[in-house]
Every structure is written in C-alpha cells, then in structure tokens.
PDB file of N, CA and C in Angstrom:
ATOM      1  N   MET A   1      -4.496  32.873  -2.613  1.00  0.00           N
ATOM      2  CA  MET A   1      -3.314  32.437  -3.302  1.00  0.00           C
ATOM      3  C   MET A   1      -3.695  31.265  -4.202  1.00  0.00           C
ATOM      4  N   ASP A   2      -3.241  31.304  -5.451  1.00  0.00           N
ATOM      5  CA  ASP A   2      -3.575  30.283  -6.431  1.00  0.00           C
ATOM      6  C   ASP A   2      -2.397  29.331  -6.603  1.00  0.00           C
ATOM      7  N   LEU A   3      -2.507  28.145  -6.022  1.00  0.00           N
ATOM      8  CA  LEU A   3      -1.452  27.134  -6.104  1.00  0.00           C
ATOM      9  C   LEU A   3      -1.920  25.968  -6.959  1.00  0.00           C
ATOM     10  N   LYS A   4      -0.997  25.385  -7.713  1.00  0.00           N
ATOM     11  CA  LYS A   4      -1.296  24.181  -8.492  1.00  0.00           C
ATOM     12  C   LYS A   4      -1.182  22.965  -7.575  1.00  0.00           C
ATOM     13  N   PRO A   5      -1.873  21.871  -7.895  1.00  0.00           N
ATOM     14  CA  PRO A   5      -1.780  20.670  -7.048  1.00  0.00           C
ATOM     15  C   PRO A   5      -0.350  20.187  -6.850  1.00  0.00           C
ATOM     16  N   GLU A   6       0.489  20.326  -7.866  1.00  0.00           N
ATOM     17  CA  GLU A   6       1.885  19.895  -7.757  1.00  0.00           C
ATOM     18  C   GLU A   6       2.668  20.764  -6.775  1.00  0.00           C
ATOM     19  N   ASP A   7       2.226  22.010  -6.583  1.00  0.00           N
ATOM     20  CA  ASP A   7       2.890  22.915  -5.646  1.00  0.00           C
ATOM     21  C   ASP A   7       2.403  22.704  -4.210  1.00  0.00           C
ATOM     22  N   ILE A   8       1.218  22.153  -4.051  1.00  0.00           N
ATOM     23  CA  ILE A   8       0.643  21.975  -2.719  1.00  0.00           C
ATOM     24  C   ILE A   8       1.207  20.731  -2.032  1.00  0.00           C
ATOM     25  N   ILE A   9       1.170  19.586  -2.713  1.00  0.00           N
ATOM     26  CA  ILE A   9       1.683  18.336  -2.145  1.00  0.00           C
ATOM     27  C   ILE A   9       3.174  18.267  -2.469  1.00  0.00           C
ATOM     28  N   LEU A  10       4.021  18.422  -1.446  1.00  0.00           N
ATOM     29  CA  LEU A  10       5.459  18.464  -1.667  1.00  0.00           C
ATOM     30  C   LEU A  10       6.088  17.076  -1.668  1.00  0.00           C
ATOM     31  N   GLU A  11       5.778  16.256  -0.647  1.00  0.00           N
ATOM     32  CA  GLU A  11       6.345  14.909  -0.569  1.00  0.00           C
ATOM     33  C   GLU A  11       5.596  14.117   0.487  1.00  0.00           C
ATOM     34  N   PRO A  12       5.625  12.770   0.379  1.00  0.00           N
ATOM     35  CA  PRO A  12       5.028  11.965   1.443  1.00  0.00           C
ATOM     36  C   PRO A  12       5.958  11.926   2.650  1.00  0.00           C
ATOM     37  N   VAL A  13       5.381  11.799   3.831  1.00  0.00           N
ATOM     38  CA  VAL A  13       6.163  11.675   5.062  1.00  0.00           C
ATOM     39  C   VAL A  13       6.412  10.185   5.292  1.00  0.00           C
ATOM     40  N   VAL A  14       7.691   9.822   5.471  1.00  0.00           N
ATOM     41  CA  VAL A  14       8.058   8.425   5.677  1.00  0.00           C
ATOM     42  C   VAL A  14       8.457   8.247   7.135  1.00  0.00           C
ATOM     43  N   SER A  15       7.581   7.605   7.905  1.00  0.00           N
ATOM     44  CA  SER A  15       7.854   7.300   9.303  1.00  0.00           C
ATOM     45  C   SER A  15       7.026   6.076   9.680  1.00  0.00           C
ATOM     46  N   GLU A  16       7.337   5.485  10.811  1.00  0.00           N
ATOM     47  CA  GLU A  16       6.576   4.313  11.242  1.00  0.00           C
ATOM     48  C   GLU A  16       5.111   4.664  11.483  1.00  0.00           C
ATOM     49  N   LYS A  17       4.876   5.809  12.079  1.00  0.00           N
ATOM     50  CA  LYS A  17       3.503   6.217  12.363  1.00  0.00           C
ATOM     51  C   LYS A  17       2.723   6.447  11.063  1.00  0.00           C
ATOM     52  N   ALA A  18       3.385   7.034  10.059  1.00  0.00           N
ATOM     53  CA  ALA A  18       2.722   7.262   8.776  1.00  0.00           C
ATOM     54  C   ALA A  18       2.409   5.940   8.082  1.00  0.00           C
ATOM     55  N   TRP A  19       3.317   4.971   8.160  1.00  0.00           N
ATOM     56  CA  TRP A  19       3.073   3.655   7.550  1.00  0.00           C
ATOM     57  C   TRP A  19       1.912   2.939   8.226  1.00  0.00           C
ATOM     58  N   LYS A  20       1.812   3.038   9.555  1.00  0.00           N
ATOM     59  CA  LYS A  20       0.694   2.405  10.267  1.00  0.00           C
ATOM     60  C   LYS A  20      -0.637   3.044   9.867  1.00  0.00           C
ATOM     61  N   GLY A  21      -0.625   4.340   9.648  1.00  0.00           N
ATOM     62  CA  GLY A  21      -1.843   5.039   9.251  1.00  0.00           C
ATOM     63  C   GLY A  21      -2.374   4.595   7.904  1.00  0.00           C
ATOM     64  N   GLN A  22      -1.480   4.118   7.025  1.00  0.00           N
ATOM     65  CA  GLN A  22      -1.916   3.685   5.703  1.00  0.00           C
ATOM     66  C   GLN A  22      -2.831   2.471   5.785  1.00  0.00           C
ATOM     67  N   GLU A  23      -2.699   1.659   6.826  1.00  0.00           N
ATOM     68  CA  GLU A  23      -3.587   0.506   7.009  1.00  0.00           C
ATOM     69  C   GLU A  23      -5.026   0.961   7.249  1.00  0.00           C
ATOM     70  N   GLU A  24      -5.189   2.148   7.830  1.00  0.00           N
ATOM     71  CA  GLU A  24      -6.518   2.706   8.098  1.00  0.00           C
ATOM     72  C   GLU A  24      -6.977   3.650   6.995  1.00  0.00           C
ATOM     73  N   GLY A  25      -6.183   3.788   5.935  1.00  0.00           N
ATOM     74  CA  GLY A  25      -6.537   4.678   4.835  1.00  0.00           C
ATOM     75  C   GLY A  25      -6.122   6.116   5.076  1.00  0.00           C
ATOM     76  N   LYS A  26      -5.168   6.338   6.004  1.00  0.00           N
ATOM     77  CA  LYS A  26      -4.684   7.682   6.295  1.00  0.00           C
ATOM     78  C   LYS A  26      -3.279   7.842   5.711  1.00  0.00           C
ATOM     79  N   TYR A  27      -3.085   8.855   4.891  1.00  0.00           N
ATOM     80  CA  TYR A  27      -1.804   9.110   4.241  1.00  0.00           C
ATOM     81  C   TYR A  27      -1.279  10.462   4.693  1.00  0.00           C
ATOM     82  N   THR A  28       0.029  10.537   4.932  1.00  0.00           N
ATOM     83  CA  THR A  28       0.648  11.739   5.480  1.00  0.00           C
ATOM     84  C   THR A  28       1.538  12.384   4.433  1.00  0.00           C
ATOM     85  N   PHE A  29       1.385  13.701   4.257  1.00  0.00           N
ATOM     86  CA  PHE A  29       2.159  14.444   3.270  1.00  0.00           C
ATOM     87  C   PHE A  29       2.735  15.713   3.886  1.00  0.00           C
ATOM     88  N   ARG A  30       3.879  16.128   3.377  1.00  0.00           N
ATOM     89  CA  ARG A  30       4.415  17.454   3.658  1.00  0.00           C
ATOM     90  C   ARG A  30       3.795  18.368   2.613  1.00  0.00           C
ATOM     91  N   VAL A  31       3.185  19.478   3.047  1.00  0.00           N
ATOM     92  CA  VAL A  31       2.444  20.336   2.123  1.00  0.00           C
ATOM     93  C   VAL A  31       2.957  21.775   2.189  1.00  0.00           C
ATOM     94  N   HIS A  32       2.517  22.577   1.229  1.00  0.00           N
ATOM     95  CA  HIS A  32       2.879  23.991   1.178  1.00  0.00           C
ATOM     96  C   HIS A  32       2.353  24.686   2.429  1.00  0.00           C
ATOM     97  N   PRO A  33       3.178  25.507   3.086  1.00  0.00           N
ATOM     98  CA  PRO A  33       2.754  26.122   4.359  1.00  0.00           C
ATOM     99  C   PRO A  33       1.517  27.011   4.268  1.00  0.00           C
ATOM    100  N   LYS A  34       1.210  27.549   3.106  1.00  0.00           N
ATOM    101  CA  LYS A  34       0.060  28.444   2.991  1.00  0.00           C
ATOM    102  C   LYS A  34      -1.175  27.754   2.424  1.00  0.00           C
ATOM    103  N   ALA A  35      -1.107  26.443   2.181  1.00  0.00           N
ATOM    104  CA  ALA A  35      -2.254  25.709   1.647  1.00  0.00           C
ATOM    105  C   ALA A  35      -3.252  25.428   2.771  1.00  0.00           C
ATOM    106  N   ASN A  36      -4.553  25.547   2.452  1.00  0.00           N
ATOM    107  CA  ASN A  36      -5.577  25.234   3.450  1.00  0.00           C
ATOM    108  C   ASN A  36      -6.143  23.840   3.185  1.00  0.00           C
ATOM    109  N   LYS A  37      -7.065  23.389   4.038  1.00  0.00           N
ATOM    110  CA  LYS A  37      -7.582  22.028   3.953  1.00  0.00           C
ATOM    111  C   LYS A  37      -8.323  21.766   2.642  1.00  0.00           C
ATOM    112  N   VAL A  38      -9.063  22.744   2.165  1.00  0.00           N
ATOM    113  CA  VAL A  38      -9.810  22.573   0.918  1.00  0.00           C
ATOM    114  C   VAL A  38      -8.845  22.395  -0.249  1.00  0.00           C
ATOM    115  N   GLN A  39      -7.795  23.212  -0.302  1.00  0.00           N
ATOM    116  CA  GLN A  39      -6.808  23.098  -1.370  1.00  0.00           C
ATOM    117  C   GLN A  39      -6.079  21.755  -1.305  1.00  0.00           C
ATOM    118  N   ILE A  40      -5.758  21.286  -0.097  1.00  0.00           N
ATOM    119  CA  ILE A  40      -5.067  20.005   0.065  1.00  0.00           C
ATOM    120  C   ILE A  40      -5.973  18.866  -0.411  1.00  0.00           C
ATOM    121  N   ARG A  41      -7.241  18.908  -0.034  1.00  0.00           N
ATOM    122  CA  ARG A  41      -8.205  17.883  -0.460  1.00  0.00           C
ATOM    123  C   ARG A  41      -8.293  17.831  -1.984  1.00  0.00           C
ATOM    124  N   GLN A  42      -8.436  18.985  -2.619  1.00  0.00           N
ATOM    125  CA  GLN A  42      -8.560  19.031  -4.075  1.00  0.00           C
ATOM    126  C   GLN A  42      -7.277  18.556  -4.756  1.00  0.00           C
ATOM    127  N   ALA A  43      -6.122  18.894  -4.194  1.00  0.00           N
ATOM    128  CA  ALA A  43      -4.846  18.486  -4.786  1.00  0.00           C
ATOM    129  C   ALA A  43      -4.676  16.970  -4.734  1.00  0.00           C
ATOM    130  N   VAL A  44      -5.001  16.352  -3.592  1.00  0.00           N
ATOM    131  CA  VAL A  44      -4.865  14.894  -3.465  1.00  0.00           C
ATOM    132  C   VAL A  44      -5.846  14.203  -4.402  1.00  0.00           C
ATOM    133  N   GLU A  45      -7.075  14.704  -4.496  1.00  0.00           N
ATOM    134  CA  GLU A  45      -8.063  14.088  -5.377  1.00  0.00           C
ATOM    135  C   GLU A  45      -7.652  14.186  -6.839  1.00  0.00           C
ATOM    136  N   ARG A  46      -7.055  15.301  -7.249  1.00  0.00           N
ATOM    137  CA  ARG A  46      -6.636  15.465  -8.643  1.00  0.00           C
ATOM    138  C   ARG A  46      -5.371  14.679  -8.961  1.00  0.00           C
ATOM    139  N   LEU A  47      -4.389  14.701  -8.064  1.00  0.00           N
ATOM    140  CA  LEU A  47      -3.112  14.033  -8.346  1.00  0.00           C
ATOM    141  C   LEU A  47      -3.234  12.511  -8.313  1.00  0.00           C
ATOM    142  N   PHE A  48      -3.972  11.965  -7.331  1.00  0.00           N
ATOM    143  CA  PHE A  48      -4.014  10.520  -7.145  1.00  0.00           C
ATOM    144  C   PHE A  48      -5.335   9.888  -7.582  1.00  0.00           C
ATOM    145  N   LYS A  49      -6.301  10.705  -8.017  1.00  0.00           N
ATOM    146  CA  LYS A  49      -7.601  10.236  -8.486  1.00  0.00           C
ATOM    147  C   LYS A  49      -8.288   9.323  -7.460  1.00  0.00           C
ATOM    148  N   VAL A  50      -8.420   9.858  -6.246  1.00  0.00           N
ATOM    149  CA  VAL A  50      -9.083   9.164  -5.145  1.00  0.00           C
ATOM    150  C   VAL A  50     -10.102  10.103  -4.515  1.00  0.00           C
ATOM    151  N   LYS A  51     -10.936   9.589  -3.634  1.00  0.00           N
ATOM    152  CA  LYS A  51     -11.924  10.397  -2.916  1.00  0.00           C
ATOM    153  C   LYS A  51     -11.439  10.607  -1.486  1.00  0.00           C
ATOM    154  N   VAL A  52     -11.314  11.859  -1.068  1.00  0.00           N
ATOM    155  CA  VAL A  52     -10.830  12.206   0.270  1.00  0.00           C
ATOM    156  C   VAL A  52     -12.027  12.398   1.194  1.00  0.00           C
ATOM    157  N   GLN A  53     -11.924  11.795   2.378  1.00  0.00           N
ATOM    158  CA  GLN A  53     -13.007  11.896   3.360  1.00  0.00           C
ATOM    159  C   GLN A  53     -12.736  13.004   4.374  1.00  0.00           C
ATOM    160  N   LYS A  54     -11.489  13.106   4.865  1.00  0.00           N
ATOM    161  CA  LYS A  54     -11.176  14.076   5.910  1.00  0.00           C
ATOM    162  C   LYS A  54      -9.715  14.497   5.806  1.00  0.00           C
ATOM    163  N   VAL A  55      -9.414  15.738   6.257  1.00  0.00           N
ATOM    164  CA  VAL A  55      -8.050  16.272   6.223  1.00  0.00           C
ATOM    165  C   VAL A  55      -7.724  16.896   7.576  1.00  0.00           C
ATOM    166  N   TRP A  56      -6.560  16.527   8.118  1.00  0.00           N
ATOM    167  CA  TRP A  56      -6.027  17.157   9.326  1.00  0.00           C
ATOM    168  C   TRP A  56      -4.737  17.856   8.944  1.00  0.00           C
ATOM    169  N   THR A  57      -4.478  19.042   9.506  1.00  0.00           N
ATOM    170  CA  THR A  57      -3.224  19.746   9.218  1.00  0.00           C
ATOM    171  C   THR A  57      -2.537  20.137  10.520  1.00  0.00           C
ATOM    172  N   MET A  58      -1.203  20.193  10.463  1.00  0.00           N
ATOM    173  CA  MET A  58      -0.389  20.593  11.604  1.00  0.00           C
ATOM    174  C   MET A  58       0.756  21.473  11.111  1.00  0.00           C
ATOM    175  N   ASN A  59       1.039  22.532  11.845  1.00  0.00           N
ATOM    176  CA  ASN A  59       2.186  23.385  11.538  1.00  0.00           C
ATOM    177  C   ASN A  59       3.324  23.045  12.487  1.00  0.00           C
ATOM    178  N   TYR A  60       4.523  22.898  11.939  1.00  0.00           N
ATOM    179  CA  TYR A  60       5.701  22.572  12.735  1.00  0.00           C
ATOM    180  C   TYR A  60       6.702  23.716  12.660  1.00  0.00           C
ATOM    181  N   ARG A  61       7.263  24.069  13.805  1.00  0.00           N
ATOM    182  CA  ARG A  61       8.314  25.072  13.845  1.00  0.00           C
ATOM    183  C   ARG A  61       9.635  24.378  13.565  1.00  0.00           C
ATOM    184  N   GLY A  62      10.522  25.060  12.860  1.00  0.00           N
ATOM    185  CA  GLY A  62      11.827  24.491  12.571  1.00  0.00           C
ATOM    186  C   GLY A  62      12.656  24.365  13.836  1.00  0.00           C
ATOM    187  N   LYS A  63      13.435  23.281  13.925  1.00  0.00           N
ATOM    188  CA  LYS A  63      14.260  23.056  15.107  1.00  0.00           C
ATOM    189  C   LYS A  63      15.431  24.032  15.120  1.00  0.00           C
ATOM    190  N   PRO A  64      15.804  24.538  16.306  1.00  0.00           N
ATOM    191  CA  PRO A  64      17.007  25.369  16.369  1.00  0.00           C
ATOM    192  C   PRO A  64      18.240  24.504  16.160  1.00  0.00           C
ATOM    193  N   LYS A  65      19.167  24.989  15.349  1.00  0.00           N
ATOM    194  CA  LYS A  65      20.391  24.248  15.043  1.00  0.00           C
ATOM    195  C   LYS A  65      21.585  25.172  15.190  1.00  0.00           C
ATOM    196  N   ARG A  66      22.726  24.553  15.415  1.00  0.00           N
ATOM    197  CA  ARG A  66      23.974  25.282  15.553  1.00  0.00           C
ATOM    198  C   ARG A  66      24.845  24.954  14.352  1.00  0.00           C
ATOM    199  N   ILE A  67      25.466  25.961  13.796  1.00  0.00           N
ATOM    200  CA  ILE A  67      26.416  25.760  12.713  1.00  0.00           C
ATOM    201  C   ILE A  67      27.802  26.051  13.278  1.00  0.00           C
ATOM    202  N   ARG A  68      28.645  25.086  13.248  1.00  0.00           N
ATOM    203  CA  ARG A  68      29.994  25.159  13.851  1.00  0.00           C
ATOM    204  C   ARG A  68      29.880  25.430  15.344  1.00  0.00           C
ATOM    205  N   TRP A  69      30.537  26.477  15.842  1.00  0.00           N
ATOM    206  CA  TRP A  69      30.586  26.674  17.284  1.00  0.00           C
ATOM    207  C   TRP A  69      29.393  27.429  17.833  1.00  0.00           C
ATOM    208  N   TYR A  70      29.122  28.618  17.367  1.00  0.00           N
ATOM    209  CA  TYR A  70      28.060  29.372  18.025  1.00  0.00           C
ATOM    210  C   TYR A  70      27.121  30.078  17.062  1.00  0.00           C
ATOM    211  N   GLN A  71      27.183  29.869  15.817  1.00  0.00           N
ATOM    212  CA  GLN A  71      26.323  30.622  14.906  1.00  0.00           C
ATOM    213  C   GLN A  71      24.903  30.067  14.978  1.00  0.00           C
ATOM    214  N   PRO A  72      23.995  30.764  15.672  1.00  0.00           N
ATOM    215  CA  PRO A  72      22.641  30.219  15.842  1.00  0.00           C
ATOM    216  C   PRO A  72      21.856  30.271  14.537  1.00  0.00           C
ATOM    217  N   GLY A  73      21.007  29.298  14.354  1.00  0.00           N
ATOM    218  CA  GLY A  73      20.154  29.237  13.178  1.00  0.00           C
ATOM    219  C   GLY A  73      19.008  28.285  13.461  1.00  0.00           C
ATOM    220  N   ARG A  74      18.209  28.025  12.469  1.00  0.00           N
ATOM    221  CA  ARG A  74      17.116  27.076  12.642  1.00  0.00           C
ATOM    222  C   ARG A  74      16.740  26.494  11.298  1.00  0.00           C
ATOM    223  N   ARG A  75      16.149  25.298  11.352  1.00  0.00           N
ATOM    224  CA  ARG A  75      15.624  24.676  10.148  1.00  0.00           C
ATOM    225  C   ARG A  75      14.323  25.365   9.766  1.00  0.00           C
ATOM    226  N   ALA A  76      13.886  25.142   8.557  1.00  0.00           N
ATOM    227  CA  ALA A  76      12.689  25.809   8.057  1.00  0.00           C
ATOM    228  C   ALA A  76      11.433  25.294   8.754  1.00  0.00           C
ATOM    229  N   HIS A  77      10.444  26.167   8.926  1.00  0.00           N
ATOM    230  CA  HIS A  77       9.132  25.766   9.420  1.00  0.00           C
ATOM    231  C   HIS A  77       8.449  24.967   8.301  1.00  0.00           C
ATOM    232  N   TRP A  78       7.560  24.029   8.667  1.00  0.00           N
ATOM    233  CA  TRP A  78       6.882  23.244   7.651  1.00  0.00           C
ATOM    234  C   TRP A  78       5.496  22.835   8.112  1.00  0.00           C
ATOM    235  N   LYS A  79       4.705  22.333   7.170  1.00  0.00           N
ATOM    236  CA  LYS A  79       3.324  21.965   7.448  1.00  0.00           C
ATOM    237  C   LYS A  79       3.093  20.524   7.003  1.00  0.00           C
ATOM    238  N   LYS A  80       2.346  19.774   7.840  1.00  0.00           N
ATOM    239  CA  LYS A  80       2.044  18.375   7.551  1.00  0.00           C
ATOM    240  C   LYS A  80       0.540  18.216   7.436  1.00  0.00           C
ATOM    241  N   ALA A  81       0.108  17.350   6.517  1.00  0.00           N
ATOM    242  CA  ALA A  81      -1.312  17.060   6.357  1.00  0.00           C
ATOM    243  C   ALA A  81      -1.518  15.553   6.392  1.00  0.00           C
ATOM    244  N   ILE A  82      -2.517  15.110   7.157  1.00  0.00           N
ATOM    245  CA  ILE A  82      -2.924  13.715   7.163  1.00  0.00           C
ATOM    246  C   ILE A  82      -4.276  13.665   6.446  1.00  0.00           C
ATOM    247  N   VAL A  83      -4.341  12.823   5.416  1.00  0.00           N
ATOM    248  CA  VAL A  83      -5.520  12.748   4.564  1.00  0.00           C
ATOM    249  C   VAL A  83      -6.142  11.366   4.710  1.00  0.00           C
ATOM    250  N   GLN A  84      -7.418  11.314   5.089  1.00  0.00           N
ATOM    251  CA  GLN A  84      -8.119  10.035   5.177  1.00  0.00           C
ATOM    252  C   GLN A  84      -8.940   9.846   3.916  1.00  0.00           C
ATOM    253  N   LEU A  85      -8.745   8.699   3.255  1.00  0.00           N
ATOM    254  CA  LEU A  85      -9.456   8.410   2.020  1.00  0.00           C
ATOM    255  C   LEU A  85     -10.768   7.698   2.323  1.00  0.00           C
ATOM    256  N   ALA A  86     -11.682   7.785   1.372  1.00  0.00           N
ATOM    257  CA  ALA A  86     -12.953   7.075   1.486  1.00  0.00           C
ATOM    258  C   ALA A  86     -12.696   5.572   1.423  1.00  0.00           C
ATOM    259  N   PRO A  87     -13.551   4.765   2.021  1.00  0.00           N
ATOM    260  CA  PRO A  87     -13.352   3.309   1.986  1.00  0.00           C
ATOM    261  C   PRO A  87     -13.249   2.801   0.543  1.00  0.00           C
ATOM    262  N   GLY A  88     -12.290   1.892   0.322  1.00  0.00           N
ATOM    263  CA  GLY A  88     -12.104   1.311  -1.006  1.00  0.00           C
ATOM    264  C   GLY A  88     -11.071   2.041  -1.865  1.00  0.00           C
ATOM    265  N   HIS A  89     -10.570   3.173  -1.408  1.00  0.00           N
ATOM    266  CA  HIS A  89      -9.584   3.930  -2.171  1.00  0.00           C
ATOM    267  C   HIS A  89      -8.188   3.723  -1.560  1.00  0.00           C
ATOM    268  N   ARG A  90      -7.161   3.663  -2.418  1.00  0.00           N
ATOM    269  CA  ARG A  90      -5.768   3.510  -1.973  1.00  0.00           C
ATOM    270  C   ARG A  90      -4.875   4.375  -2.835  1.00  0.00           C
ATOM    271  N   ILE A  91      -3.727   4.736  -2.279  1.00  0.00           N
ATOM    272  CA  ILE A  91      -2.698   5.462  -3.022  1.00  0.00           C
ATOM    273  C   ILE A  91      -1.453   4.582  -3.013  1.00  0.00           C
ATOM    274  N   GLU A  92      -0.904   4.325  -4.195  1.00  0.00           N
ATOM    275  CA  GLU A  92       0.350   3.581  -4.312  1.00  0.00           C
ATOM    276  C   GLU A  92       1.482   4.593  -4.321  1.00  0.00           C
ATOM    277  N   LEU A  93       2.065   4.867  -3.138  1.00  0.00           N
ATOM    278  CA  LEU A  93       3.114   5.872  -3.040  1.00  0.00           C
ATOM    279  C   LEU A  93       4.443   5.386  -3.598  1.00  0.00           C
ATOM    280  N   TYR A  94       4.805   4.152  -3.277  1.00  0.00           N
ATOM    281  CA  TYR A  94       6.108   3.629  -3.674  1.00  0.00           C
ATOM    282  C   TYR A  94       5.909   2.431  -4.581  1.00  0.00           C
ATOM    283  N   GLN A  95       6.083   2.656  -5.871  1.00  0.00           N
ATOM    284  CA  GLN A  95       5.907   1.581  -6.836  1.00  0.00           C
ATOM    285  C   GLN A  95       7.267   1.193  -7.401  1.00  0.00           C
ATOM    286  N   GLY A  96       7.420  -0.089  -7.680  1.00  0.00           N
ATOM    287  CA  GLY A  96       8.645  -0.558  -8.337  1.00  0.00           C
ATOM    288  C   GLY A  96       9.712  -0.863  -7.416  1.00  0.00           C
TER     289      GLY A  96
END
C-alpha cells in the first residue's frame, strides 16, 4: 500500500505518559492502521526533518459503547506509534 507521510501520521497523542516520554526523546503519534514501522519512520523523518532511532507500534481495539438504551456499537480500532529520536533531535509539536 502506497501512503503519503501526511496520511500515515494522523495526530500526536496527548497524555501525561506521552509528555513524560518527550523528555527522553520519545514521541507518541496516532498512525494509519495499515502503516508499518518502516513507513512510520520515513514519514516522521520527512515531515519533521529529524533522525529516528527506533519505532514501537501498538494496535488498540475500539471500546464497546452503548447508544441510548441498548443499541450496541463500538469505537473505531486504532494504531499508536512511539518514535524515539536520535540524540540531539527534537520535535516542536505545539508552537505558539
């Protein structure tokens, strides 16, 4: 599958654990479910112009949810990637 870097990296994950990881050079992103580690590495390097050292990925199942009284449903499944940058590299996610 041929994905563009803009299609692979969907959004940064904002959580306390993700913020703590940034001190160690680890950044967390929500990514396209069919993207592999090589594609994620190349997308981060092209979009943010940094050097990636390592990539971890995790698949999450959508939580079951109820709509009104009994109509069963679930949230969408999604994929998360944690990217460790080479020493000396940083990403400015939130500017201004």
